[in-house]
PDB file of all heavy atoms in Angstrom:
ATOM      1  N   ALA A   1      94.805 100.971  85.391  1.00  0.00           N
ATOM      2  CA  ALA A   1      94.376  99.672  85.908  1.00  0.00           C
ATOM      3  C   ALA A   1      95.577  98.781  86.196  1.00  0.00           C
ATOM      4  O   ALA A   1      95.613  98.065  87.205  1.00  0.00           O
ATOM      5  CB  ALA A   1      93.425  99.000  84.921  1.00  0.00           C
ATOM      6  N   ASP A   2      96.595  98.813  85.314  1.00  0.00           N
ATOM      7  CA  ASP A   2      97.819  98.049  85.567  1.00  0.00           C
ATOM      8  C   ASP A   2      98.524  98.551  86.828  1.00  0.00           C
ATOM      9  O   ASP A   2      99.053  97.755  87.617  1.00  0.00           O
ATOM     10  CB  ASP A   2      98.759  98.157  84.364  1.00  0.00           C
ATOM     11  CG  ASP A   2      98.239  97.389  83.147  1.00  0.00           C
ATOM     12  OD1 ASP A   2      97.416  96.469  83.358  1.00  0.00           O
ATOM     13  OD2 ASP A   2      98.630  97.726  82.020  1.00  0.00           O
ATOM     14  N   ARG A   3      98.524  99.870  87.000  1.00  0.00           N
ATOM     15  CA  ARG A   3      99.168 100.429  88.185  1.00  0.00           C
ATOM     16  C   ARG A   3      98.451  99.987  89.464  1.00  0.00           C
ATOM     17  O   ARG A   3      99.094  99.611  90.451  1.00  0.00           O
ATOM     18  CB  ARG A   3      99.173 101.952  88.083  1.00  0.00           C
ATOM     19  CG  ARG A   3      99.862 102.632  89.259  1.00  0.00           C
ATOM     20  CD  ARG A   3      99.772 104.148  89.136  1.00  0.00           C
ATOM     21  NE  ARG A   3     100.363 104.785  90.298  1.00  0.00           N
ATOM     22  CZ  ARG A   3     100.279 106.084  90.571  1.00  0.00           C
ATOM     23  NH1 ARG A   3      99.623 106.886  89.723  1.00  0.00           N
ATOM     24  NH2 ARG A   3     100.851 106.572  91.646  1.00  0.00           N
ATOM     25  N   CYS A   4      97.118 100.029  89.419  1.00  0.00           N
ATOM     26  CA  CYS A   4      96.352  99.557  90.576  1.00  0.00           C
ATOM     27  C   CYS A   4      96.617  98.082  90.842  1.00  0.00           C
ATOM     28  O   CYS A   4      96.710  97.643  91.992  1.00  0.00           O
ATOM     29  CB  CYS A   4      94.857  99.802  90.364  1.00  0.00           C
ATOM     30  SG  CYS A   4      94.368 101.540  90.389  1.00  0.00           S
ATOM     31  N   ARG A   5      96.760  97.294  89.769  1.00  0.00           N
ATOM     32  CA  ARG A   5      97.034  95.865  89.935  1.00  0.00           C
ATOM     33  C   ARG A   5      98.369  95.654  90.650  1.00  0.00           C
ATOM     34  O   ARG A   5      98.484  94.822  91.556  1.00  0.00           O
ATOM     35  CB  ARG A   5      97.048  95.189  88.573  1.00  0.00           C
ATOM     36  CG  ARG A   5      97.374  93.694  88.624  1.00  0.00           C
ATOM     37  CD  ARG A   5      97.822  93.216  87.262  1.00  0.00           C
ATOM     38  NE  ARG A   5      99.044  93.938  86.869  1.00  0.00           N
ATOM     39  CZ  ARG A   5      99.530  93.931  85.625  1.00  0.00           C
ATOM     40  NH1 ARG A   5      98.899  93.300  84.664  1.00  0.00           N
ATOM     41  NH2 ARG A   5     100.648  94.588  85.358  1.00  0.00           N
ATOM     42  N   ASP A   6      99.385  96.425  90.247  1.00  0.00           N
ATOM     43  CA  ASP A   6     100.693  96.285  90.880  1.00  0.00           C
ATOM     44  C   ASP A   6     100.651  96.687  92.360  1.00  0.00           C
ATOM     45  O   ASP A   6     101.252  96.028  93.218  1.00  0.00           O
ATOM     46  CB  ASP A   6     101.724  97.138  90.146  1.00  0.00           C
ATOM     47  CG  ASP A   6     101.947  96.666  88.713  1.00  0.00           C
ATOM     48  OD1 ASP A   6     101.658  95.472  88.441  1.00  0.00           O
ATOM     49  OD2 ASP A   6     102.393  97.481  87.868  1.00  0.00           O
ATOM     50  N   ILE A   7      99.935  97.796  92.631  1.00  0.00           N
ATOM     51  CA  ILE A   7      99.839  98.255  94.025  1.00  0.00           C
ATOM     52  C   ILE A   7      99.137  97.202  94.878  1.00  0.00           C
ATOM     53  O   ILE A   7      99.589  96.850  95.976  1.00  0.00           O
ATOM     54  CB  ILE A   7      99.104  99.601  94.092  1.00  0.00           C
ATOM     55  CG1 ILE A   7      99.944 100.696  93.427  1.00  0.00           C
ATOM     56  CG2 ILE A   7      98.793  99.976  95.545  1.00  0.00           C
ATOM     57  CD1 ILE A   7      99.228 102.029  93.326  1.00  0.00           C
ATOM     58  N   LEU A   8      98.034  96.668  94.368  1.00  0.00           N
ATOM     59  CA  LEU A   8      97.289  95.672  95.131  1.00  0.00           C
ATOM     60  C   LEU A   8      98.070  94.376  95.293  1.00  0.00           C
ATOM     61  O   LEU A   8      97.946  93.687  96.302  1.00  0.00           O
ATOM     62  CB  LEU A   8      95.946  95.397  94.452  1.00  0.00           C
ATOM     63  CG  LEU A   8      94.914  96.532  94.567  1.00  0.00           C
ATOM     64  CD1 LEU A   8      93.659  96.186  93.774  1.00  0.00           C
ATOM     65  CD2 LEU A   8      94.553  96.772  96.028  1.00  0.00           C
ATOM     66  N   ARG A   9      98.896  94.050  94.288  1.00  0.00           N
ATOM     67  CA  ARG A   9      99.707  92.845  94.410  1.00  0.00           C
ATOM     68  C   ARG A   9     100.703  92.987  95.558  1.00  0.00           C
ATOM     69  O   ARG A   9     100.889  92.068  96.362  1.00  0.00           O
ATOM     70  CB  ARG A   9     100.440  92.566  93.102  1.00  0.00           C
ATOM     71  CG  ARG A   9     101.271  91.264  93.164  1.00  0.00           C
ATOM     72  CD  ARG A   9     101.953  90.946  91.850  1.00  0.00           C
ATOM     73  NE  ARG A   9     102.943  91.965  91.526  1.00  0.00           N
ATOM     74  CZ  ARG A   9     102.846  92.789  90.484  1.00  0.00           C
ATOM     75  NH1 ARG A   9     101.798  92.713  89.668  1.00  0.00           N
ATOM     76  NH2 ARG A   9     103.779  93.688  90.246  1.00  0.00           N
ATOM     77  N   ASP A  10     101.339  94.171  95.648  1.00  0.00           N
ATOM     78  CA  ASP A  10     102.279  94.399  96.741  1.00  0.00           C
ATOM     79  C   ASP A  10     101.563  94.425  98.095  1.00  0.00           C
ATOM     80  O   ASP A  10     102.052  93.862  99.083  1.00  0.00           O
ATOM     81  CB  ASP A  10     103.014  95.723  96.527  1.00  0.00           C
ATOM     82  CG  ASP A  10     103.908  95.692  95.295  1.00  0.00           C
ATOM     83  OD1 ASP A  10     104.280  94.575  94.876  1.00  0.00           O
ATOM     84  OD2 ASP A  10     104.212  96.774  94.748  1.00  0.00           O
ATOM     85  N   MET A  11     100.389  95.090  98.114  1.00  0.00           N
ATOM     86  CA  MET A  11      99.628  95.126  99.366  1.00  0.00           C
ATOM     87  C   MET A  11      99.160  93.742  99.765  1.00  0.00           C
ATOM     88  O   MET A  11      99.197  93.357 100.935  1.00  0.00           O
ATOM     89  CB  MET A  11      98.425  96.072  99.220  1.00  0.00           C
ATOM     90  CG  MET A  11      98.802  97.538  99.063  1.00  0.00           C
ATOM     91  SD  MET A  11      97.362  98.577  98.688  1.00  0.00           S
ATOM     92  CE  MET A  11      96.372  98.295 100.133  1.00  0.00           C
ATOM     93  N   GLY A  12      98.712  92.996  98.788  1.00  0.00           N
ATOM     94  CA  GLY A  12      98.252  91.647  99.081  1.00  0.00           C
ATOM     95  C   GLY A  12      99.366  90.761  99.590  1.00  0.00           C
ATOM     96  O   GLY A  12      99.170  89.954 100.493  1.00  0.00           O
ATOM     97  N   ARG A  13     100.580  90.935  99.025  1.00  0.00           N
ATOM     98  CA  ARG A  13     101.708  90.140  99.479  1.00  0.00           C
ATOM     99  C   ARG A  13     102.051  90.472 100.929  1.00  0.00           C
ATOM    100  O   ARG A  13     102.274  89.590 101.753  1.00  0.00           O
ATOM    101  CB  ARG A  13     102.917  90.393  98.596  1.00  0.00           C
ATOM    102  CG  ARG A  13     104.113  89.503  98.943  1.00  0.00           C
ATOM    103  CD  ARG A  13     105.300  89.799  98.051  1.00  0.00           C
ATOM    104  NE  ARG A  13     104.993  89.576  96.648  1.00  0.00           N
ATOM    105  CZ  ARG A  13     104.943  90.527  95.723  1.00  0.00           C
ATOM    106  NH1 ARG A  13     105.188  91.787  96.071  1.00  0.00           N
ATOM    107  NH2 ARG A  13     104.653  90.261  94.466  1.00  0.00           N
ATOM    108  N   ALA A  14     102.062  91.782 101.252  1.00  0.00           N
ATOM    109  CA  ALA A  14     102.353  92.187 102.637  1.00  0.00           C
ATOM    110  C   ALA A  14     101.246  91.741 103.571  1.00  0.00           C
ATOM    111  O   ALA A  14     101.501  91.300 104.697  1.00  0.00           O
ATOM    112  CB  ALA A  14     102.530  93.705 102.712  1.00  0.00           C
ATOM    113  N   GLY A  15     100.006  91.850 103.123  1.00  0.00           N
ATOM    114  CA  GLY A  15      98.890  91.440 103.964  1.00  0.00           C
ATOM    115  C   GLY A  15      98.897  89.959 104.239  1.00  0.00           C
ATOM    116  O   GLY A  15      98.649  89.506 105.345  1.00  0.00           O
ATOM    117  N   LYS A  16      99.207  89.158 103.193  1.00  0.00           N
ATOM    118  CA  LYS A  16      99.242  87.720 103.399  1.00  0.00           C
ATOM    119  C   LYS A  16     100.368  87.321 104.341  1.00  0.00           C
ATOM    120  O   LYS A  16     100.260  86.354 105.077  1.00  0.00           O
ATOM    121  CB  LYS A  16      99.404  87.010 102.054  1.00  0.00           C
ATOM    122  CG  LYS A  16      98.154  87.086 101.187  1.00  0.00           C
ATOM    123  CD  LYS A  16      98.376  86.433  99.835  1.00  0.00           C
ATOM    124  CE  LYS A  16      97.118  86.557  98.952  1.00  0.00           C
ATOM    125  NZ  LYS A  16      97.340  85.979  97.619  1.00  0.00           N
ATOM    126  N   ASP A  17     101.470  88.080 104.300  1.00  0.00           N
ATOM    127  CA  ASP A  17     102.551  87.782 105.233  1.00  0.00           C
ATOM    128  C   ASP A  17     102.057  87.878 106.665  1.00  0.00           C
ATOM    129  O   ASP A  17     102.398  87.059 107.506  1.00  0.00           O
ATOM    130  CB  ASP A  17     103.711  88.768 105.026  1.00  0.00           C
ATOM    131  CG  ASP A  17     104.468  88.477 103.725  1.00  0.00           C
ATOM    132  OD1 ASP A  17     104.292  87.356 103.206  1.00  0.00           O
ATOM    133  OD2 ASP A  17     105.193  89.370 103.256  1.00  0.00           O
ATOM    134  N   ASP A  18     101.237  88.907 106.962  1.00  0.00           N
ATOM    135  CA  ASP A  18     100.726  89.061 108.317  1.00  0.00           C
ATOM    136  C   ASP A  18      99.574  88.121 108.601  1.00  0.00           C
ATOM    137  O   ASP A  18      99.391  87.669 109.723  1.00  0.00           O
ATOM    138  CB  ASP A  18     100.262  90.506 108.539  1.00  0.00           C
ATOM    139  CG  ASP A  18     101.426  91.445 108.759  1.00  0.00           C
ATOM    140  OD1 ASP A  18     102.463  90.949 109.210  1.00  0.00           O
ATOM    141  OD2 ASP A  18     101.300  92.632 108.447  1.00  0.00           O
ATOM    142  N   LEU A  19      98.746  87.851 107.583  1.00  0.00           N
ATOM    143  CA  LEU A  19      97.545  87.069 107.810  1.00  0.00           C
ATOM    144  C   LEU A  19      97.845  85.585 107.921  1.00  0.00           C
ATOM    145  O   LEU A  19      97.309  84.896 108.779  1.00  0.00           O
ATOM    146  CB  LEU A  19      96.543  87.322 106.666  1.00  0.00           C
ATOM    147  CG  LEU A  19      95.210  86.578 106.758  1.00  0.00           C
ATOM    148  CD1 LEU A  19      94.449  87.042 107.994  1.00  0.00           C
ATOM    149  CD2 LEU A  19      94.380  86.801 105.508  1.00  0.00           C
ATOM    150  N   HIS A  20      98.693  85.080 107.047  1.00  0.00           N
ATOM    151  CA  HIS A  20      98.887  83.641 106.966  1.00  0.00           C
ATOM    152  C   HIS A  20     100.158  83.165 107.659  1.00  0.00           C
ATOM    153  O   HIS A  20     100.258  81.994 107.995  1.00  0.00           O
ATOM    154  CB  HIS A  20      98.919  83.212 105.497  1.00  0.00           C
ATOM    155  CG  HIS A  20      97.657  83.543 104.762  1.00  0.00           C
ATOM    156  ND1 HIS A  20      96.442  82.997 105.099  1.00  0.00           N
ATOM    157  CD2 HIS A  20      97.418  84.381 103.716  1.00  0.00           C
ATOM    158  CE1 HIS A  20      95.510  83.468 104.284  1.00  0.00           C
ATOM    159  NE2 HIS A  20      96.074  84.311 103.443  1.00  0.00           N
ATOM    160  N   LEU A  21     101.127  84.044 107.874  1.00  0.00           N
ATOM    161  CA  LEU A  21     102.369  83.613 108.507  1.00  0.00           C
ATOM    162  C   LEU A  21     102.184  83.667 110.018  1.00  0.00           C
ATOM    163  O   LEU A  21     102.710  84.525 110.705  1.00  0.00           O
ATOM    164  CB  LEU A  21     103.528  84.513 108.077  1.00  0.00           C
ATOM    165  CG  LEU A  21     104.939  84.002 108.407  1.00  0.00           C
ATOM    166  CD1 LEU A  21     105.198  82.643 107.798  1.00  0.00           C
ATOM    167  CD2 LEU A  21     105.981  84.995 107.947  1.00  0.00           C
ATOM    168  N   ARG A  22     101.367  82.734 110.525  1.00  0.00           N
ATOM    169  CA  ARG A  22     101.127  82.671 111.959  1.00  0.00           C
ATOM    170  C   ARG A  22     102.293  82.023 112.681  1.00  0.00           C
ATOM    171  O   ARG A  22     102.371  82.083 113.906  1.00  0.00           O
ATOM    172  CB  ARG A  22      99.853  81.854 112.245  1.00  0.00           C
ATOM    173  CG  ARG A  22      98.598  82.404 111.608  1.00  0.00           C
ATOM    174  CD  ARG A  22      98.270  83.790 112.126  1.00  0.00           C
ATOM    175  NE  ARG A  22      96.998  84.262 111.621  1.00  0.00           N
ATOM    176  CZ  ARG A  22      96.504  85.465 111.831  1.00  0.00           C
ATOM    177  NH1 ARG A  22      97.214  86.341 112.503  1.00  0.00           N
ATOM    178  NH2 ARG A  22      95.343  85.816 111.336  1.00  0.00           N
ATOM    179  N   GLN A  23     103.178  81.400 111.957  1.00  0.00           N
ATOM    180  CA  GLN A  23     104.348  80.798 112.544  1.00  0.00           C
ATOM    181  C   GLN A  23     105.561  81.147 111.690  1.00  0.00           C
ATOM    182  O   GLN A  23     105.430  81.488 110.518  1.00  0.00           O
ATOM    183  CB  GLN A  23     104.185  79.280 112.623  1.00  0.00           C
ATOM    184  CG  GLN A  23     104.001  78.620 111.248  1.00  0.00           C
ATOM    185  CD  GLN A  23     103.910  77.127 111.342  1.00  0.00           C
ATOM    186  OE1 GLN A  23     104.173  76.562 112.389  1.00  0.00           O
ATOM    187  NE2 GLN A  23     103.547  76.480 110.252  1.00  0.00           N
ATOM    188  N   ALA A  24     106.724  81.068 112.281  1.00  0.00           N
ATOM    189  CA  ALA A  24     107.960  81.382 111.563  1.00  0.00           C
ATOM    190  C   ALA A  24     109.116  80.772 112.324  1.00  0.00           C
ATOM    191  O   ALA A  24     109.021  80.519 113.539  1.00  0.00           O
ATOM    192  CB  ALA A  24     108.137  82.894 111.415  1.00  0.00           C
ATOM    193  N   PRO A  25     110.231  80.521 111.645  1.00  0.00           N
ATOM    194  CA  PRO A  25     111.419  80.047 112.362  1.00  0.00           C
ATOM    195  C   PRO A  25     111.844  81.047 113.431  1.00  0.00           C
ATOM    196  O   PRO A  25     111.626  82.254 113.312  1.00  0.00           O
ATOM    197  CB  PRO A  25     112.472  79.922 111.250  1.00  0.00           C
ATOM    198  CG  PRO A  25     111.680  79.753 110.001  1.00  0.00           C
ATOM    199  CD  PRO A  25     110.437  80.557 110.184  1.00  0.00           C
ATOM    200  N   LEU A  26     112.464  80.535 114.466  1.00  0.00           N
ATOM    201  CA  LEU A  26     112.840  81.360 115.609  1.00  0.00           C
ATOM    202  C   LEU A  26     113.684  82.557 115.199  1.00  0.00           C
ATOM    203  O   LEU A  26     113.409  83.693 115.592  1.00  0.00           O
ATOM    204  CB  LEU A  26     113.595  80.500 116.631  1.00  0.00           C
ATOM    205  CG  LEU A  26     114.171  81.235 117.842  1.00  0.00           C
ATOM    206  CD1 LEU A  26     113.055  81.870 118.660  1.00  0.00           C
ATOM    207  CD2 LEU A  26     114.995  80.279 118.691  1.00  0.00           C
ATOM    208  N   MET A  27     114.708  82.336 114.383  1.00  0.00           N
ATOM    209  CA  MET A  27     115.600  83.426 114.002  1.00  0.00           C
ATOM    210  C   MET A  27     114.881  84.452 113.129  1.00  0.00           C
ATOM    211  O   MET A  27     115.199  85.641 113.163  1.00  0.00           O
ATOM    212  CB  MET A  27     116.831  82.888 113.269  1.00  0.00           C
ATOM    213  CG  MET A  27     117.666  81.918 114.109  1.00  0.00           C
ATOM    214  SD  MET A  27     118.185  82.617 115.707  1.00  0.00           S
ATOM    215  CE  MET A  27     119.245  83.965 115.171  1.00  0.00           C
ATOM    216  N   ALA A  28     113.874  84.007 112.344  1.00  0.00           N
ATOM    217  CA  ALA A  28     113.104  84.951 111.536  1.00  0.00           C
ATOM    218  C   ALA A  28     112.264  85.862 112.425  1.00  0.00           C
ATOM    219  O   ALA A  28     112.140  87.069 112.161  1.00  0.00           O
ATOM    220  CB  ALA A  28     112.215  84.195 110.551  1.00  0.00           C
ATOM    221  N   VAL A  29     111.678  85.314 113.480  1.00  0.00           N
ATOM    222  CA  VAL A  29     110.899  86.129 114.406  1.00  0.00           C
ATOM    223  C   VAL A  29     111.806  87.135 115.118  1.00  0.00           C
ATOM    224  O   VAL A  29     111.449  88.301 115.307  1.00  0.00           O
ATOM    225  CB  VAL A  29     110.164  85.235 115.418  1.00  0.00           C
ATOM    226  CG1 VAL A  29     109.460  86.076 116.480  1.00  0.00           C
ATOM    227  CG2 VAL A  29     109.140  84.355 114.717  1.00  0.00           C
ATOM    228  N   ILE A  30     113.008  86.693 115.493  1.00  0.00           N
ATOM    229  CA  ILE A  30     113.942  87.601 116.152  1.00  0.00           C
ATOM    230  C   ILE A  30     114.342  88.729 115.203  1.00  0.00           C
ATOM    231  O   ILE A  30     114.389  89.902 115.596  1.00  0.00           O
ATOM    232  CB  ILE A  30     115.178  86.817 116.627  1.00  0.00           C
ATOM    233  CG1 ILE A  30     114.780  85.788 117.690  1.00  0.00           C
ATOM    234  CG2 ILE A  30     116.239  87.766 117.169  1.00  0.00           C
ATOM    235  CD1 ILE A  30     115.906  84.866 118.090  1.00  0.00           C
ATOM    236  N   SER A  31     114.619  88.385 113.942  1.00  0.00           N
ATOM    237  CA  SER A  31     114.993  89.413 112.966  1.00  0.00           C
ATOM    238  C   SER A  31     113.854  90.396 112.744  1.00  0.00           C
ATOM    239  O   SER A  31     114.072  91.603 112.600  1.00  0.00           O
ATOM    240  CB  SER A  31     115.390  88.757 111.641  1.00  0.00           C
ATOM    241  OG  SER A  31     116.506  87.901 111.818  1.00  0.00           O
ATOM    242  N   GLU A  32     112.628  89.889 112.715  1.00  0.00           N
ATOM    243  CA  GLU A  32     111.473  90.780 112.543  1.00  0.00           C
ATOM    244  C   GLU A  32     111.338  91.737 113.721  1.00  0.00           C
ATOM    245  O   GLU A  32     111.052  92.926 113.535  1.00  0.00           O
ATOM    246  CB  GLU A  32     110.203  89.945 112.409  1.00  0.00           C
ATOM    247  CG  GLU A  32     108.942  90.778 112.258  1.00  0.00           C
ATOM    248  CD  GLU A  32     107.685  89.928 112.192  1.00  0.00           C
ATOM    249  OE1 GLU A  32     107.799  88.686 112.153  1.00  0.00           O
ATOM    250  OE2 GLU A  32     106.582  90.512 112.185  1.00  0.00           O
ATOM    251  N   ALA A  33     111.557  91.220 114.940  1.00  0.00           N
ATOM    252  CA  ALA A  33     111.462  92.083 116.113  1.00  0.00           C
ATOM    253  C   ALA A  33     112.548  93.158 116.115  1.00  0.00           C
ATOM    254  O   ALA A  33     112.317  94.294 116.540  1.00  0.00           O
ATOM    255  CB  ALA A  33     111.555  91.234 117.384  1.00  0.00           C
ATOM    256  N   ALA A  34     113.738  92.813 115.624  1.00  0.00           N
ATOM    257  CA  ALA A  34     114.859  93.755 115.657  1.00  0.00           C
ATOM    258  C   ALA A  34     114.900  94.681 114.457  1.00  0.00           C
ATOM    259  O   ALA A  34     115.665  95.661 114.460  1.00  0.00           O
ATOM    260  CB  ALA A  34     116.171  92.980 115.733  1.00  0.00           C
ATOM    261  N   GLU A  35     114.096  94.427 113.421  1.00  0.00           N
ATOM    262  CA  GLU A  35     114.195  95.175 112.171  1.00  0.00           C
ATOM    263  C   GLU A  35     114.079  96.694 112.334  1.00  0.00           C
ATOM    264  O   GLU A  35     114.848  97.443 111.728  1.00  0.00           O
ATOM    265  CB  GLU A  35     113.144  94.654 111.185  1.00  0.00           C
ATOM    266  CG  GLU A  35     113.352  95.100 109.743  1.00  0.00           C
ATOM    267  CD  GLU A  35     112.778  96.486 109.479  1.00  0.00           C
ATOM    268  OE1 GLU A  35     111.812  96.848 110.185  1.00  0.00           O
ATOM    269  OE2 GLU A  35     113.301  97.178 108.589  1.00  0.00           O
ATOM    270  N   PRO A  36     113.151  97.242 113.170  1.00  0.00           N
ATOM    271  CA  PRO A  36     113.075  98.707 113.291  1.00  0.00           C
ATOM    272  C   PRO A  36     114.348  99.346 113.846  1.00  0.00           C
ATOM    273  O   PRO A  36     114.544 100.549 113.691  1.00  0.00           O
ATOM    274  CB  PRO A  36     111.885  98.917 114.239  1.00  0.00           C
ATOM    275  CG  PRO A  36     111.076  97.675 114.124  1.00  0.00           C
ATOM    276  CD  PRO A  36     112.065  96.577 113.902  1.00  0.00           C
ATOM    277  N   HIS A  37     115.218  98.562 114.492  1.00  0.00           N
ATOM    278  CA  HIS A  37     116.413  99.116 115.118  1.00  0.00           C
ATOM    279  C   HIS A  37     117.696  98.654 114.426  1.00  0.00           C
ATOM    280  O   HIS A  37     118.789  98.833 114.968  1.00  0.00           O
ATOM    281  CB  HIS A  37     116.461  98.707 116.598  1.00  0.00           C
ATOM    282  CG  HIS A  37     115.200  98.992 117.339  1.00  0.00           C
ATOM    283  ND1 HIS A  37     114.782 100.267 117.627  1.00  0.00           N
ATOM    284  CD2 HIS A  37     114.233  98.166 117.816  1.00  0.00           C
ATOM    285  CE1 HIS A  37     113.625 100.221 118.276  1.00  0.00           C
ATOM    286  NE2 HIS A  37     113.273  98.955 118.398  1.00  0.00           N
ATOM    287  N   SER A  38     117.574  98.065 113.238  1.00  0.00           N
ATOM    288  CA  SER A  38     118.740  97.527 112.546  1.00  0.00           C
ATOM    289  C   SER A  38     119.527  98.598 111.792  1.00  0.00           C
ATOM    290  O   SER A  38     120.619  98.317 111.306  1.00  0.00           O
ATOM    291  CB  SER A  38     118.305  96.422 111.576  1.00  0.00           C
ATOM    292  OG  SER A  38     117.384  96.928 110.623  1.00  0.00           O
ATOM    293  N   HIS A  39     118.989  99.792 111.660  1.00  0.00           N
ATOM    294  CA  HIS A  39     119.662 100.855 110.908  1.00  0.00           C
ATOM    295  C   HIS A  39     119.894 102.082 111.793  1.00  0.00           C
ATOM    296  O   HIS A  39     119.778 103.221 111.333  1.00  0.00           O
ATOM    297  CB  HIS A  39     118.842 101.250 109.678  1.00  0.00           C
ATOM    298  CG  HIS A  39     118.529 100.107 108.770  1.00  0.00           C
ATOM    299  ND1 HIS A  39     119.475  99.488 107.999  1.00  0.00           N
ATOM    300  CD2 HIS A  39     117.356  99.447 108.530  1.00  0.00           C
ATOM    301  CE1 HIS A  39     118.914  98.508 107.294  1.00  0.00           C
ATOM    302  NE2 HIS A  39     117.634  98.458 107.619  1.00  0.00           N
ATOM    303  N   ARG A  40     120.235 101.867 113.020  1.00  0.00           N
ATOM    304  CA  ARG A  40     120.437 102.964 113.969  1.00  0.00           C
ATOM    305  C   ARG A  40     121.906 103.143 114.324  1.00  0.00           C
ATOM    306  O   ARG A  40     122.229 103.709 115.370  1.00  0.00           O
ATOM    307  CB  ARG A  40     119.613 102.731 115.229  1.00  0.00           C
ATOM    308  CG  ARG A  40     118.105 102.781 115.008  1.00  0.00           C
ATOM    309  CD  ARG A  40     117.348 102.523 116.290  1.00  0.00           C
ATOM    310  NE  ARG A  40     117.807 103.428 117.335  1.00  0.00           N
ATOM    311  CZ  ARG A  40     117.512 103.259 118.626  1.00  0.00           C
ATOM    312  NH1 ARG A  40     116.769 102.229 119.011  1.00  0.00           N
ATOM    313  NH2 ARG A  40     117.963 104.105 119.526  1.00  0.00           N
ATOM    314  N   GLY A  41     122.782 102.657 113.491  1.00  0.00           N
ATOM    315  CA  GLY A  41     124.207 102.871 113.706  1.00  0.00           C
ATOM    316  C   GLY A  41     124.871 101.837 114.580  1.00  0.00           C
ATOM    317  O   GLY A  41     126.078 101.944 114.850  1.00  0.00           O
ATOM    318  N   LYS A  42     124.145 100.826 115.057  1.00  0.00           N
ATOM    319  CA  LYS A  42     124.716  99.755 115.863  1.00  0.00           C
ATOM    320  C   LYS A  42     124.607  98.443 115.078  1.00  0.00           C
ATOM    321  O   LYS A  42     123.622  98.211 114.368  1.00  0.00           O
ATOM    322  CB  LYS A  42     123.979  99.624 117.208  1.00  0.00           C
ATOM    323  CG  LYS A  42     123.803 100.932 117.959  1.00  0.00           C
ATOM    324  CD  LYS A  42     125.120 101.521 118.410  1.00  0.00           C
ATOM    325  CE  LYS A  42     124.917 102.902 119.042  1.00  0.00           C
ATOM    326  NZ  LYS A  42     124.114 102.888 120.245  1.00  0.00           N
ATOM    327  N   HIS A  43     125.596  97.587 115.224  1.00  0.00           N
ATOM    328  CA  HIS A  43     125.637  96.314 114.503  1.00  0.00           C
ATOM    329  C   HIS A  43     124.982  95.241 115.368  1.00  0.00           C
ATOM    330  O   HIS A  43     125.452  94.951 116.475  1.00  0.00           O
ATOM    331  CB  HIS A  43     127.080  95.931 114.169  1.00  0.00           C
ATOM    332  CG  HIS A  43     127.176  94.791 113.205  1.00  0.00           C
ATOM    333  ND1 HIS A  43     128.367  94.206 112.840  1.00  0.00           N
ATOM    334  CD2 HIS A  43     126.209  94.127 112.528  1.00  0.00           C
ATOM    335  CE1 HIS A  43     128.129  93.223 111.989  1.00  0.00           C
ATOM    336  NE2 HIS A  43     126.820  93.167 111.788  1.00  0.00           N
ATOM    337  N   ILE A  44     123.904  94.653 114.865  1.00  0.00           N
ATOM    338  CA  ILE A  44     123.205  93.593 115.585  1.00  0.00           C
ATOM    339  C   ILE A  44     123.657  92.248 115.021  1.00  0.00           C
ATOM    340  O   ILE A  44     123.471  91.969 113.832  1.00  0.00           O
ATOM    341  CB  ILE A  44     121.675  93.745 115.465  1.00  0.00           C
ATOM    342  CG1 ILE A  44     121.241  95.121 115.987  1.00  0.00           C
ATOM    343  CG2 ILE A  44     120.963  92.645 116.237  1.00  0.00           C
ATOM    344  CD1 ILE A  44     119.742  95.377 115.874  1.00  0.00           C
TER     345      ILE A  44
END
């Protein structure tokens, strides 16, 4: 039960980020867009 609580807490935190963060600072949105390509050997 404790393990399920921890898993749901992490899922809930990630879900709330998508559900409630309808706005964000400009540079944060840019970083989010670039995140999948930030570890491809090129410096952004």
